[in-house]
């Protein structure tokens, strides 16, 4: 893959991320689109 191709692919990824960020910012107040991840932490003693 040439440097030009790498730069083109990086620009595509950046554009996609910017669209996602804009979408998330626009829908930030919509409770249905908020995902809460729960973590279970266990203390284990050896």
C-alpha atoms as a PDB file:
ATOM      1  CA  UNK A   1       0.000   0.000   0.000  1.00  0.00           C
ATOM      2  CA  UNK A   2       1.458   3.334  -1.009  1.00  0.00           C
ATOM      3  CA  UNK A   3       1.649   6.405   1.183  1.00  0.00           C
ATOM      4  CA  UNK A   4      -1.029   8.094  -0.924  1.00  0.00           C
ATOM      5  CA  UNK A   5      -3.403   5.166  -0.358  1.00  0.00           C
ATOM      6  CA  UNK A   6      -2.697   5.181   3.378  1.00  0.00           C
ATOM      7  CA  UNK A   7      -3.461   8.907   3.560  1.00  0.00           C
ATOM      8  CA  UNK A   8      -6.704   8.447   1.577  1.00  0.00           C
ATOM      9  CA  UNK A   9      -7.825   5.635   3.899  1.00  0.00           C
ATOM     10  CA  UNK A  10      -6.968   7.686   6.980  1.00  0.00           C
ATOM     11  CA  UNK A  11      -9.006  10.630   5.654  1.00  0.00           C
ATOM     12  CA  UNK A  12     -11.985   8.311   5.087  1.00  0.00           C
ATOM     13  CA  UNK A  13     -11.749   7.037   8.670  1.00  0.00           C
ATOM     14  CA  UNK A  14     -11.454  10.583  10.039  1.00  0.00           C
ATOM     15  CA  UNK A  15     -14.519  11.678   8.056  1.00  0.00           C
ATOM     16  CA  UNK A  16     -16.494   8.704   9.345  1.00  0.00           C
ATOM     17  CA  UNK A  17     -15.479   9.441  12.937  1.00  0.00           C
ATOM     18  CA  UNK A  18     -16.451  13.099  12.554  1.00  0.00           C
ATOM     19  CA  UNK A  19     -19.889  12.060  11.263  1.00  0.00           C
ATOM     20  CA  UNK A  20     -20.319   9.704  14.236  1.00  0.00           C
ATOM     21  CA  UNK A  21     -19.280  12.397  16.714  1.00  0.00           C
ATOM     22  CA  UNK A  22     -21.723  14.858  15.159  1.00  0.00           C
ATOM     23  CA  UNK A  23     -24.504  12.232  15.294  1.00  0.00           C
ATOM     24  CA  UNK A  24     -23.764  11.456  18.957  1.00  0.00           C
ATOM     25  CA  UNK A  25     -23.656  15.148  19.863  1.00  0.00           C
ATOM     26  CA  UNK A  26     -26.974  15.802  18.100  1.00  0.00           C
ATOM     27  CA  UNK A  27     -28.641  12.834  19.785  1.00  0.00           C
ATOM     28  CA  UNK A  28     -27.005  13.288  23.186  1.00  0.00           C
ATOM     29  CA  UNK A  29     -30.274  14.245  24.854  1.00  0.00           C
ATOM     30  CA  UNK A  30     -32.174  11.223  23.579  1.00  0.00           C
ATOM     31  CA  UNK A  31     -32.266   8.794  26.499  1.00  0.00           C
ATOM     32  CA  UNK A  32     -33.050   5.842  24.231  1.00  0.00           C
ATOM     33  CA  UNK A  33     -29.649   6.166  22.568  1.00  0.00           C
ATOM     34  CA  UNK A  34     -27.621   6.271  25.774  1.00  0.00           C
ATOM     35  CA  UNK A  35     -25.963   2.993  26.635  1.00  0.00           C
ATOM     36  CA  UNK A  36     -24.780   2.274  30.154  1.00  0.00           C
ATOM     37  CA  UNK A  37     -22.183  -0.419  30.520  1.00  0.00           C
ATOM     38  CA  UNK A  38     -22.061  -2.089  33.886  1.00  0.00           C
ATOM     39  CA  UNK A  39     -18.923  -3.618  35.267  1.00  0.00           C
ATOM     40  CA  UNK A  40     -18.793  -6.342  37.845  1.00  0.00           C
ATOM     41  CA  UNK A  41     -15.644  -6.134  39.929  1.00  0.00           C
ATOM     42  CA  UNK A  42     -14.736  -9.094  42.029  1.00  0.00           C
ATOM     43  CA  UNK A  43     -12.065  -9.026  44.698  1.00  0.00           C
ATOM     44  CA  UNK A  44     -10.215 -12.313  44.717  1.00  0.00           C
ATOM     45  CA  UNK A  45      -7.673 -13.217  47.314  1.00  0.00           C
ATOM     46  CA  UNK A  46      -4.977 -15.710  46.360  1.00  0.00           C
END
